Amino acid sequence: TAFLEAEDFEDAVRNAVSLGGDTDTLAAITGSIAEAFFGIPAVLKAE
């Protein structure tokens, strides 16, 4: 759901973290899907 409501990769991760709970795992799952859909900005890959 965090992915489905997102506008881009960063927004997807922020969505996931904003739910609270097991945020690292929640954001990891969301981020893995968001990467495939949106791609990841080069600067974030570098980070």
All heavy atoms as atom14 arrays in JSON, in Angstrom:
{
  "sequence": "TAFLEAEDFEDAVRNAVSLGGDTDTLAAITGSIAEAFFGIPAVLKAE",
  "atom14_mask": [
    [1, 1, 1, 1, 1, 1, 1, 0, 0, 0, 0, 0, 0, 0],
    [1, 1, 1, 1, 1, 0, 0, 0, 0, 0, 0, 0, 0, 0],
    [1, 1, 1, 1, 1, 1, 1, 1, 1, 1, 1, 0, 0, 0],
    [1, 1, 1, 1, 1, 1, 1, 1, 0, 0, 0, 0, 0, 0],
    [1, 1, 1, 1, 1, 1, 1, 1, 1, 0, 0, 0, 0, 0],
    [1, 1, 1, 1, 1, 0, 0, 0, 0, 0, 0, 0, 0, 0],
    [1, 1, 1, 1, 1, 1, 1, 1, 1, 0, 0, 0, 0, 0],
    [1, 1, 1, 1, 1, 1, 1, 1, 0, 0, 0, 0, 0, 0],
    [1, 1, 1, 1, 1, 1, 1, 1, 1, 1, 1, 0, 0, 0],
    [1, 1, 1, 1, 1, 1, 1, 1, 1, 0, 0, 0, 0, 0],
    [1, 1, 1, 1, 1, 1, 1, 1, 0, 0, 0, 0, 0, 0],
    [1, 1, 1, 1, 1, 0, 0, 0, 0, 0, 0, 0, 0, 0],
    [1, 1, 1, 1, 1, 1, 1, 0, 0, 0, 0, 0, 0, 0],
    [1, 1, 1, 1, 1, 1, 1, 1, 1, 1, 1, 0, 0, 0],
    [1, 1, 1, 1, 1, 1, 1, 1, 0, 0, 0, 0, 0, 0],
    [1, 1, 1, 1, 1, 0, 0, 0, 0, 0, 0, 0, 0, 0],
    [1, 1, 1, 1, 1, 1, 1, 0, 0, 0, 0, 0, 0, 0],
    [1, 1, 1, 1, 1, 1, 0, 0, 0, 0, 0, 0, 0, 0],
    [1, 1, 1, 1, 1, 1, 1, 1, 0, 0, 0, 0, 0, 0],
    [1, 1, 1, 1, 0, 0, 0, 0, 0, 0, 0, 0, 0, 0],
    [1, 1, 1, 1, 0, 0, 0, 0, 0, 0, 0, 0, 0, 0],
    [1, 1, 1, 1, 1, 1, 1, 1, 0, 0, 0, 0, 0, 0],
    [1, 1, 1, 1, 1, 1, 1, 0, 0, 0, 0, 0, 0, 0],
    [1, 1, 1, 1, 1, 1, 1, 1, 0, 0, 0, 0, 0, 0],
    [1, 1, 1, 1, 1, 1, 1, 0, 0, 0, 0, 0, 0, 0],
    [1, 1, 1, 1, 1, 1, 1, 1, 0, 0, 0, 0, 0, 0],
    [1, 1, 1, 1, 1, 0, 0, 0, 0, 0, 0, 0, 0, 0],
    [1, 1, 1, 1, 1, 0, 0, 0, 0, 0, 0, 0, 0, 0],
    [1, 1, 1, 1, 1, 1, 1, 1, 0, 0, 0, 0, 0, 0],
    [1, 1, 1, 1, 1, 1, 1, 0, 0, 0, 0, 0, 0, 0],
    [1, 1, 1, 1, 0, 0, 0, 0, 0, 0, 0, 0, 0, 0],
    [1, 1, 1, 1, 1, 1, 0, 0, 0, 0, 0, 0, 0, 0],
    [1, 1, 1, 1, 1, 1, 1, 1, 0, 0, 0, 0, 0, 0],
    [1, 1, 1, 1, 1, 0, 0, 0, 0, 0, 0, 0, 0, 0],
    [1, 1, 1, 1, 1, 1, 1, 1, 1, 0, 0, 0, 0, 0],
    [1, 1, 1, 1, 1, 0, 0, 0, 0, 0, 0, 0, 0, 0],
    [1, 1, 1, 1, 1, 1, 1, 1, 1, 1, 1, 0, 0, 0],
    [1, 1, 1, 1, 1, 1, 1, 1, 1, 1, 1, 0, 0, 0],
    [1, 1, 1, 1, 0, 0, 0, 0, 0, 0, 0, 0, 0, 0],
    [1, 1, 1, 1, 1, 1, 1, 1, 0, 0, 0, 0, 0, 0],
    [1, 1, 1, 1, 1, 1, 1, 0, 0, 0, 0, 0, 0, 0],
    [1, 1, 1, 1, 1, 0, 0, 0, 0, 0, 0, 0, 0, 0],
    [1, 1, 1, 1, 1, 1, 1, 0, 0, 0, 0, 0, 0, 0],
    [1, 1, 1, 1, 1, 1, 1, 1, 0, 0, 0, 0, 0, 0],
    [1, 1, 1, 1, 1, 1, 1, 1, 1, 0, 0, 0, 0, 0],
    [1, 1, 1, 1, 1, 0, 0, 0, 0, 0, 0, 0, 0, 0],
    [1, 1, 1, 1, 1, 1, 1, 1, 1, 0, 0, 0, 0, 0]
  ],
  "atom14_positions": [
    [[0.83, -1.21, 0.0], [0.0, 0.0, 0.0], [0.86, 1.26, 0.0], [0.55, 2.24, -0.68], [-0.94, -0.01, 1.21], [-1.79, -1.16, 1.17], [-1.82, 1.25, 1.22], [0.0, 0.0, 0.0], [0.0, 0.0, 0.0], [0.0, 0.0, 0.0], [0.0, 0.0, 0.0], [0.0, 0.0, 0.0], [0.0, 0.0, 0.0], [0.0, 0.0, 0.0]],
    [[1.95, 1.24, 0.77], [2.87, 2.38, 0.8], [3.43, 2.65, -0.59], [3.6, 3.8, -1.0], [3.99, 2.14, 1.79], [0.0, 0.0, 0.0], [0.0, 0.0, 0.0], [0.0, 0.0, 0.0], [0.0, 0.0, 0.0], [0.0, 0.0, 0.0], [0.0, 0.0, 0.0], [0.0, 0.0, 0.0], [0.0, 0.0, 0.0], [0.0, 0.0, 0.0]],
    [[3.73, 1.58, -1.34], [4.17, 1.74, -2.72], [3.05, 2.27, -3.61], [3.25, 3.2, -4.41], [4.69, 0.41, -3.28], [4.55, 0.28, -4.76], [5.34, 1.04, -5.61], [3.62, -0.59, -5.32], [5.2, 0.94, -6.99], [3.47, -0.7, -6.69], [4.26, 0.07, -7.53], [0.0, 0.0, 0.0], [0.0, 0.0, 0.0], [0.0, 0.0, 0.0]],
    [[1.87, 1.71, -3.49], [0.77, 2.07, -4.38], [0.37, 3.54, -4.24], [-0.09, 4.16, -5.2], [-0.44, 1.17, -4.12], [-0.29, -0.3, -4.52], [-1.49, -1.11, -4.05], [-0.09, -0.45, -6.02], [0.0, 0.0, 0.0], [0.0, 0.0, 0.0], [0.0, 0.0, 0.0], [0.0, 0.0, 0.0], [0.0, 0.0, 0.0], [0.0, 0.0, 0.0]],
    [[0.55, 4.12, -3.07], [0.19, 5.52, -2.86], [1.34, 6.49, -3.16], [1.17, 7.7, -3.03], [-0.28, 5.73, -1.42], [-1.64, 5.12, -1.12], [-2.25, 5.62, 0.18], [-1.83, 6.68, 0.68], [-3.13, 4.92, 0.72], [0.0, 0.0, 0.0], [0.0, 0.0, 0.0], [0.0, 0.0, 0.0], [0.0, 0.0, 0.0], [0.0, 0.0, 0.0]],
    [[2.48, 5.98, -3.57], [3.67, 6.82, -3.74], [3.72, 7.49, -5.1], [3.2, 6.98, -6.09], [4.93, 5.99, -3.52], [0.0, 0.0, 0.0], [0.0, 0.0, 0.0], [0.0, 0.0, 0.0], [0.0, 0.0, 0.0], [0.0, 0.0, 0.0], [0.0, 0.0, 0.0], [0.0, 0.0, 0.0], [0.0, 0.0, 0.0], [0.0, 0.0, 0.0]],
    [[4.43, 8.62, -5.13], [4.66, 9.36, -6.37], [6.01, 9.05, -6.98], [6.21, 9.23, -8.19], [4.55, 10.86, -6.11], [3.17, 11.31, -5.64], [3.11, 12.8, -5.35], [4.18, 13.46, -5.44], [2.01, 13.31, -5.06], [0.0, 0.0, 0.0], [0.0, 0.0, 0.0], [0.0, 0.0, 0.0], [0.0, 0.0, 0.0], [0.0, 0.0, 0.0]],
    [[6.97, 8.63, -6.17], [8.29, 8.27, -6.64], [8.95, 7.39, -5.58], [8.33, 7.06, -4.57], [9.16, 9.5, -6.95], [9.24, 10.49, -5.78], [9.23, 10.06, -4.6], [9.34, 11.72, -6.04], [0.0, 0.0, 0.0], [0.0, 0.0, 0.0], [0.0, 0.0, 0.0], [0.0, 0.0, 0.0], [0.0, 0.0, 0.0], [0.0, 0.0, 0.0]],
    [[10.21, 7.0, -5.82], [10.87, 6.09, -4.9], [10.97, 6.67, -3.49], [10.62, 6.0, -2.51], [12.27, 5.73, -5.4], [13.03, 4.87, -4.44], [12.84, 3.51, -4.4], [13.94, 5.44, -3.55], [13.53, 2.71, -3.48], [14.64, 4.65, -2.64], [14.43, 3.29, -2.62], [0.0, 0.0, 0.0], [0.0, 0.0, 0.0], [0.0, 0.0, 0.0]],
    [[11.45, 7.9, -3.39], [11.61, 8.5, -2.07], [10.27, 8.6, -1.34], [10.19, 8.33, -0.14], [12.24, 9.88, -2.19], [12.47, 10.57, -0.84], [13.12, 11.92, -0.95], [13.94, 12.13, -1.88], [12.8, 12.81, -0.12], [0.0, 0.0, 0.0], [0.0, 0.0, 0.0], [0.0, 0.0, 0.0], [0.0, 0.0, 0.0], [0.0, 0.0, 0.0]],
    [[9.23, 8.97, -2.07], [7.91, 9.09, -1.47], [7.43, 7.75, -0.95], [6.78, 7.67, 0.1], [6.93, 9.67, -2.48], [5.61, 10.1, -1.86], [5.64, 10.81, -0.83], [4.56, 9.73, -2.41], [0.0, 0.0, 0.0], [0.0, 0.0, 0.0], [0.0, 0.0, 0.0], [0.0, 0.0, 0.0], [0.0, 0.0, 0.0], [0.0, 0.0, 0.0]],
    [[7.73, 6.68, -1.66], [7.34, 5.34, -1.23], [7.98, 4.98, 0.1], [7.32, 4.46, 1.01], [7.72, 4.31, -2.3], [0.0, 0.0, 0.0], [0.0, 0.0, 0.0], [0.0, 0.0, 0.0], [0.0, 0.0, 0.0], [0.0, 0.0, 0.0], [0.0, 0.0, 0.0], [0.0, 0.0, 0.0], [0.0, 0.0, 0.0], [0.0, 0.0, 0.0]],
    [[9.28, 5.23, 0.22], [9.98, 4.93, 1.47], [9.45, 5.79, 2.6], [9.26, 5.32, 3.73], [11.5, 5.11, 1.28], [12.23, 4.96, 2.61], [12.04, 4.09, 0.28], [0.0, 0.0, 0.0], [0.0, 0.0, 0.0], [0.0, 0.0, 0.0], [0.0, 0.0, 0.0], [0.0, 0.0, 0.0], [0.0, 0.0, 0.0], [0.0, 0.0, 0.0]],
    [[9.21, 7.07, 2.33], [8.64, 7.94, 3.36], [7.25, 7.44, 3.79], [6.9, 7.49, 4.97], [8.57, 9.38, 2.85], [9.91, 10.06, 2.72], [9.79, 11.53, 2.32], [11.08, 12.18, 2.21], [11.79, 12.68, 3.21], [11.29, 12.61, 4.45], [12.96, 13.25, 3.01], [0.0, 0.0, 0.0], [0.0, 0.0, 0.0], [0.0, 0.0, 0.0]],
    [[6.46, 6.98, 2.84], [5.16, 6.41, 3.17], [5.31, 5.25, 4.15], [4.58, 5.16, 5.16], [4.46, 5.9, 1.91], [3.8, 7.0, 1.1], [3.6, 8.12, 1.58], [3.46, 6.7, -0.15], [0.0, 0.0, 0.0], [0.0, 0.0, 0.0], [0.0, 0.0, 0.0], [0.0, 0.0, 0.0], [0.0, 0.0, 0.0], [0.0, 0.0, 0.0]],
    [[6.23, 4.36, 3.86], [6.42, 3.18, 4.7], [6.86, 3.57, 6.11], [6.31, 3.08, 7.1], [7.44, 2.24, 4.06], [0.0, 0.0, 0.0], [0.0, 0.0, 0.0], [0.0, 0.0, 0.0], [0.0, 0.0, 0.0], [0.0, 0.0, 0.0], [0.0, 0.0, 0.0], [0.0, 0.0, 0.0], [0.0, 0.0, 0.0], [0.0, 0.0, 0.0]],
    [[7.85, 4.44, 6.19], [8.36, 4.85, 7.5], [7.29, 5.57, 8.31], [7.21, 5.43, 9.54], [9.61, 5.73, 7.33], [10.07, 6.31, 8.67], [10.76, 4.93, 6.69], [0.0, 0.0, 0.0], [0.0, 0.0, 0.0], [0.0, 0.0, 0.0], [0.0, 0.0, 0.0], [0.0, 0.0, 0.0], [0.0, 0.0, 0.0], [0.0, 0.0, 0.0]],
    [[6.43, 6.32, 7.63], [5.4, 7.09, 8.33], [4.38, 6.21, 9.04], [3.66, 6.69, 9.92], [4.68, 8.02, 7.35], [3.74, 7.32, 6.54], [0.0, 0.0, 0.0], [0.0, 0.0, 0.0], [0.0, 0.0, 0.0], [0.0, 0.0, 0.0], [0.0, 0.0, 0.0], [0.0, 0.0, 0.0], [0.0, 0.0, 0.0], [0.0, 0.0, 0.0]],
    [[4.29, 4.93, 8.67], [3.35, 4.04, 9.34], [3.82, 3.64, 10.73], [3.02, 3.24, 11.58], [3.12, 2.78, 8.5], [2.4, 2.98, 7.17], [2.28, 1.66, 6.43], [1.02, 3.58, 7.38], [0.0, 0.0, 0.0], [0.0, 0.0, 0.0], [0.0, 0.0, 0.0], [0.0, 0.0, 0.0], [0.0, 0.0, 0.0], [0.0, 0.0, 0.0]],
    [[5.13, 3.73, 10.96], [5.68, 3.28, 12.24], [5.88, 1.78, 12.24], [5.93, 1.13, 11.2], [0.0, 0.0, 0.0], [0.0, 0.0, 0.0], [0.0, 0.0, 0.0], [0.0, 0.0, 0.0], [0.0, 0.0, 0.0], [0.0, 0.0, 0.0], [0.0, 0.0, 0.0], [0.0, 0.0, 0.0], [0.0, 0.0, 0.0], [0.0, 0.0, 0.0]],
    [[6.01, 1.21, 13.44], [6.18, -0.23, 13.55], [7.57, -0.69, 13.19], [8.58, -0.04, 13.52], [0.0, 0.0, 0.0], [0.0, 0.0, 0.0], [0.0, 0.0, 0.0], [0.0, 0.0, 0.0], [0.0, 0.0, 0.0], [0.0, 0.0, 0.0], [0.0, 0.0, 0.0], [0.0, 0.0, 0.0], [0.0, 0.0, 0.0], [0.0, 0.0, 0.0]],
    [[7.63, -1.79, 12.47], [8.91, -2.4, 12.05], [9.4, -1.66, 10.8], [9.43, -2.2, 9.69], [8.69, -3.88, 11.78], [9.99, -4.66, 11.6], [11.07, -4.07, 11.84], [9.93, -5.84, 11.24], [0.0, 0.0, 0.0], [0.0, 0.0, 0.0], [0.0, 0.0, 0.0], [0.0, 0.0, 0.0], [0.0, 0.0, 0.0], [0.0, 0.0, 0.0]],
    [[9.8, -0.41, 10.98], [10.01, 0.51, 9.87], [11.1, 0.09, 8.91], [11.0, 0.34, 7.71], [10.32, 1.92, 10.39], [11.35, 1.84, 11.39], [9.07, 2.56, 11.0], [0.0, 0.0, 0.0], [0.0, 0.0, 0.0], [0.0, 0.0, 0.0], [0.0, 0.0, 0.0], [0.0, 0.0, 0.0], [0.0, 0.0, 0.0], [0.0, 0.0, 0.0]],
    [[12.19, -0.51, 9.41], [13.27, -0.89, 8.49], [12.82, -1.98, 7.53], [13.07, -1.9, 6.32], [14.54, -1.28, 9.24], [14.34, -2.43, 10.2], [13.18, -2.68, 10.62], [15.34, -3.1, 10.55], [0.0, 0.0, 0.0], [0.0, 0.0, 0.0], [0.0, 0.0, 0.0], [0.0, 0.0, 0.0], [0.0, 0.0, 0.0], [0.0, 0.0, 0.0]],
    [[12.12, -2.98, 8.05], [11.65, -4.06, 7.19], [10.5, -3.6, 6.3], [10.43, -3.94, 5.12], [11.21, -5.26, 8.04], [12.34, -5.75, 8.78], [10.67, -6.38, 7.16], [0.0, 0.0, 0.0], [0.0, 0.0, 0.0], [0.0, 0.0, 0.0], [0.0, 0.0, 0.0], [0.0, 0.0, 0.0], [0.0, 0.0, 0.0], [0.0, 0.0, 0.0]],
    [[9.6, -2.83, 6.87], [8.48, -2.29, 6.09], [9.0, -1.46, 4.92], [8.55, -1.62, 3.77], [7.6, -1.44, 7.0], [6.28, -0.9, 6.44], [5.34, -2.04, 6.12], [5.63, 0.04, 7.46], [0.0, 0.0, 0.0], [0.0, 0.0, 0.0], [0.0, 0.0, 0.0], [0.0, 0.0, 0.0], [0.0, 0.0, 0.0], [0.0, 0.0, 0.0]],
    [[9.98, -0.6, 5.18], [10.54, 0.25, 4.12], [11.39, -0.56, 3.16], [11.49, -0.21, 1.97], [11.36, 1.38, 4.73], [0.0, 0.0, 0.0], [0.0, 0.0, 0.0], [0.0, 0.0, 0.0], [0.0, 0.0, 0.0], [0.0, 0.0, 0.0], [0.0, 0.0, 0.0], [0.0, 0.0, 0.0], [0.0, 0.0, 0.0], [0.0, 0.0, 0.0]],
    [[12.04, -1.63, 3.64], [12.83, -2.48, 2.75], [11.93, -3.15, 1.72], [12.26, -3.22, 0.53], [13.59, -3.52, 3.55], [0.0, 0.0, 0.0], [0.0, 0.0, 0.0], [0.0, 0.0, 0.0], [0.0, 0.0, 0.0], [0.0, 0.0, 0.0], [0.0, 0.0, 0.0], [0.0, 0.0, 0.0], [0.0, 0.0, 0.0], [0.0, 0.0, 0.0]],
    [[10.79, -3.67, 2.16], [9.86, -4.31, 1.24], [9.28, -3.29, 0.27], [9.23, -3.51, -0.95], [8.74, -5.03, 2.02], [9.33, -6.14, 2.89], [7.7, -5.62, 1.06], [8.35, -6.73, 3.89], [0.0, 0.0, 0.0], [0.0, 0.0, 0.0], [0.0, 0.0, 0.0], [0.0, 0.0, 0.0], [0.0, 0.0, 0.0], [0.0, 0.0, 0.0]],
    [[8.84, -2.17, 0.8], [8.31, -1.1, -0.06], [9.36, -0.63, -1.05], [9.09, -0.47, -2.24], [7.84, 0.09, 0.8], [6.82, -0.33, 1.69], [7.32, 1.22, -0.07], [0.0, 0.0, 0.0], [0.0, 0.0, 0.0], [0.0, 0.0, 0.0], [0.0, 0.0, 0.0], [0.0, 0.0, 0.0], [0.0, 0.0, 0.0], [0.0, 0.0, 0.0]],
    [[10.58, -0.39, -0.56], [11.65, 0.09, -1.42], [12.0, -0.88, -2.52], [12.33, -0.47, -3.64], [0.0, 0.0, 0.0], [0.0, 0.0, 0.0], [0.0, 0.0, 0.0], [0.0, 0.0, 0.0], [0.0, 0.0, 0.0], [0.0, 0.0, 0.0], [0.0, 0.0, 0.0], [0.0, 0.0, 0.0], [0.0, 0.0, 0.0], [0.0, 0.0, 0.0]],
    [[11.94, -2.17, -2.23], [12.28, -3.16, -3.25], [11.29, -3.11, -4.41], [11.67, -3.29, -5.58], [12.32, -4.56, -2.63], [11.02, -5.01, -2.23], [0.0, 0.0, 0.0], [0.0, 0.0, 0.0], [0.0, 0.0, 0.0], [0.0, 0.0, 0.0], [0.0, 0.0, 0.0], [0.0, 0.0, 0.0], [0.0, 0.0, 0.0], [0.0, 0.0, 0.0]],
    [[10.01, -2.87, -4.11], [9.0, -2.76, -5.16], [9.11, -1.42, -5.87], [9.05, -1.34, -7.1], [7.59, -2.94, -4.57], [7.48, -4.29, -3.84], [6.53, -2.84, -5.67], [6.22, -4.42, -2.99], [0.0, 0.0, 0.0], [0.0, 0.0, 0.0], [0.0, 0.0, 0.0], [0.0, 0.0, 0.0], [0.0, 0.0, 0.0], [0.0, 0.0, 0.0]],
    [[9.3, -0.36, -5.1], [9.38, 0.99, -5.67], [10.56, 1.12, -6.62], [10.48, 1.83, -7.63], [9.47, 2.02, -4.56], [0.0, 0.0, 0.0], [0.0, 0.0, 0.0], [0.0, 0.0, 0.0], [0.0, 0.0, 0.0], [0.0, 0.0, 0.0], [0.0, 0.0, 0.0], [0.0, 0.0, 0.0], [0.0, 0.0, 0.0], [0.0, 0.0, 0.0]],
    [[11.67, 0.48, -6.31], [12.83, 0.52, -7.21], [12.46, 0.0, -8.59], [12.82, 0.59, -9.61], [13.98, -0.31, -6.64], [15.16, -0.43, -7.61], [16.24, -1.39, -7.12], [15.98, -2.15, -6.16], [17.34, -1.39, -7.71], [0.0, 0.0, 0.0], [0.0, 0.0, 0.0], [0.0, 0.0, 0.0], [0.0, 0.0, 0.0], [0.0, 0.0, 0.0]],
    [[11.74, -1.11, -8.63], [11.38, -1.72, -9.91], [10.39, -0.88, -10.69], [10.39, -0.89, -11.92], [10.8, -3.12, -9.66], [0.0, 0.0, 0.0], [0.0, 0.0, 0.0], [0.0, 0.0, 0.0], [0.0, 0.0, 0.0], [0.0, 0.0, 0.0], [0.0, 0.0, 0.0], [0.0, 0.0, 0.0], [0.0, 0.0, 0.0], [0.0, 0.0, 0.0]],
    [[9.54, -0.13, -10.0], [8.52, 0.67, -10.66], [9.02, 2.06, -11.04], [8.84, 2.5, -12.17], [7.29, 0.8, -9.75], [6.09, 1.42, -10.43], [5.21, 0.63, -11.14], [5.85, 2.77, -10.34], [4.1, 1.19, -11.76], [4.75, 3.34, -10.95], [3.86, 2.56, -11.67], [0.0, 0.0, 0.0], [0.0, 0.0, 0.0], [0.0, 0.0, 0.0]],
    [[9.63, 2.75, -10.1], [10.05, 4.14, -10.3], [11.51, 4.3, -10.73], [11.87, 5.31, -11.33], [9.86, 4.95, -9.02], [8.45, 5.06, -8.53], [8.06, 4.41, -7.37], [7.52, 5.82, -9.2], [6.76, 4.53, -6.89], [6.22, 5.95, -8.74], [5.84, 5.29, -7.59], [0.0, 0.0, 0.0], [0.0, 0.0, 0.0], [0.0, 0.0, 0.0]],
    [[12.35, 3.31, -10.4], [13.78, 3.54, -10.46], [14.23, 4.3, -9.22], [13.42, 4.73, -8.4], [0.0, 0.0, 0.0], [0.0, 0.0, 0.0], [0.0, 0.0, 0.0], [0.0, 0.0, 0.0], [0.0, 0.0, 0.0], [0.0, 0.0, 0.0], [0.0, 0.0, 0.0], [0.0, 0.0, 0.0], [0.0, 0.0, 0.0], [0.0, 0.0, 0.0]],
    [[15.52, 4.48, -9.08], [16.08, 5.18, -7.93], [17.0, 6.28, -8.44], [17.85, 6.04, -9.29], [16.89, 4.22, -7.02], [15.99, 3.08, -6.52], [17.48, 4.97, -5.84], [16.74, 2.06, -5.69], [0.0, 0.0, 0.0], [0.0, 0.0, 0.0], [0.0, 0.0, 0.0], [0.0, 0.0, 0.0], [0.0, 0.0, 0.0], [0.0, 0.0, 0.0]],
    [[16.85, 7.51, -7.92], [17.77, 8.59, -8.33], [19.22, 8.21, -8.08], [19.55, 7.52, -7.1], [17.35, 9.76, -7.43], [15.93, 9.48, -7.07], [15.83, 7.98, -6.97], [0.0, 0.0, 0.0], [0.0, 0.0, 0.0], [0.0, 0.0, 0.0], [0.0, 0.0, 0.0], [0.0, 0.0, 0.0], [0.0, 0.0, 0.0], [0.0, 0.0, 0.0]],
    [[20.09, 8.64, -8.98], [21.5, 8.27, -8.89], [22.12, 8.66, -7.56], [22.94, 7.92, -7.0], [22.28, 8.91, -10.04], [0.0, 0.0, 0.0], [0.0, 0.0, 0.0], [0.0, 0.0, 0.0], [0.0, 0.0, 0.0], [0.0, 0.0, 0.0], [0.0, 0.0, 0.0], [0.0, 0.0, 0.0], [0.0, 0.0, 0.0], [0.0, 0.0, 0.0]],
    [[21.73, 9.81, -7.03], [22.32, 10.27, -5.79], [21.97, 9.35, -4.63], [22.76, 9.13, -3.72], [21.93, 11.73, -5.5], [20.44, 11.85, -5.17], [22.81, 12.31, -4.4], [0.0, 0.0, 0.0], [0.0, 0.0, 0.0], [0.0, 0.0, 0.0], [0.0, 0.0, 0.0], [0.0, 0.0, 0.0], [0.0, 0.0, 0.0], [0.0, 0.0, 0.0]],
    [[20.76, 8.76, -4.64], [20.37, 7.83, -3.59], [21.1, 6.5, -3.74], [21.47, 5.87, -2.74], [18.86, 7.61, -3.59], [18.01, 8.79, -3.12], [16.53, 8.41, -3.1], [18.44, 9.25, -1.73], [0.0, 0.0, 0.0], [0.0, 0.0, 0.0], [0.0, 0.0, 0.0], [0.0, 0.0, 0.0], [0.0, 0.0, 0.0], [0.0, 0.0, 0.0]],
    [[21.31, 6.06, -4.98], [22.12, 4.85, -5.18], [23.53, 5.06, -4.65], [24.1, 4.17, -4.0], [22.16, 4.49, -6.66], [20.96, 3.74, -7.17], [21.22, 3.17, -8.54], [20.06, 2.3, -9.0], [20.31, 1.68, -10.33], [0.0, 0.0, 0.0], [0.0, 0.0, 0.0], [0.0, 0.0, 0.0], [0.0, 0.0, 0.0], [0.0, 0.0, 0.0]],
    [[24.07, 6.21, -4.94], [25.41, 6.51, -4.45], [25.44, 6.54, -2.93], [26.39, 6.05, -2.3], [25.88, 7.84, -5.03], [0.0, 0.0, 0.0], [0.0, 0.0, 0.0], [0.0, 0.0, 0.0], [0.0, 0.0, 0.0], [0.0, 0.0, 0.0], [0.0, 0.0, 0.0], [0.0, 0.0, 0.0], [0.0, 0.0, 0.0], [0.0, 0.0, 0.0]],
    [[24.42, 7.1, -2.32], [24.33, 7.15, -0.86], [24.26, 5.73, -0.3], [24.88, 5.42, 0.73], [23.11, 7.95, -0.43], [23.05, 8.26, 1.04], [24.04, 9.3, 1.48], [24.18, 10.32, 0.78], [24.68, 9.12, 2.52], [0.0, 0.0, 0.0], [0.0, 0.0, 0.0], [0.0, 0.0, 0.0], [0.0, 0.0, 0.0], [0.0, 0.0, 0.0]]
  ]
}
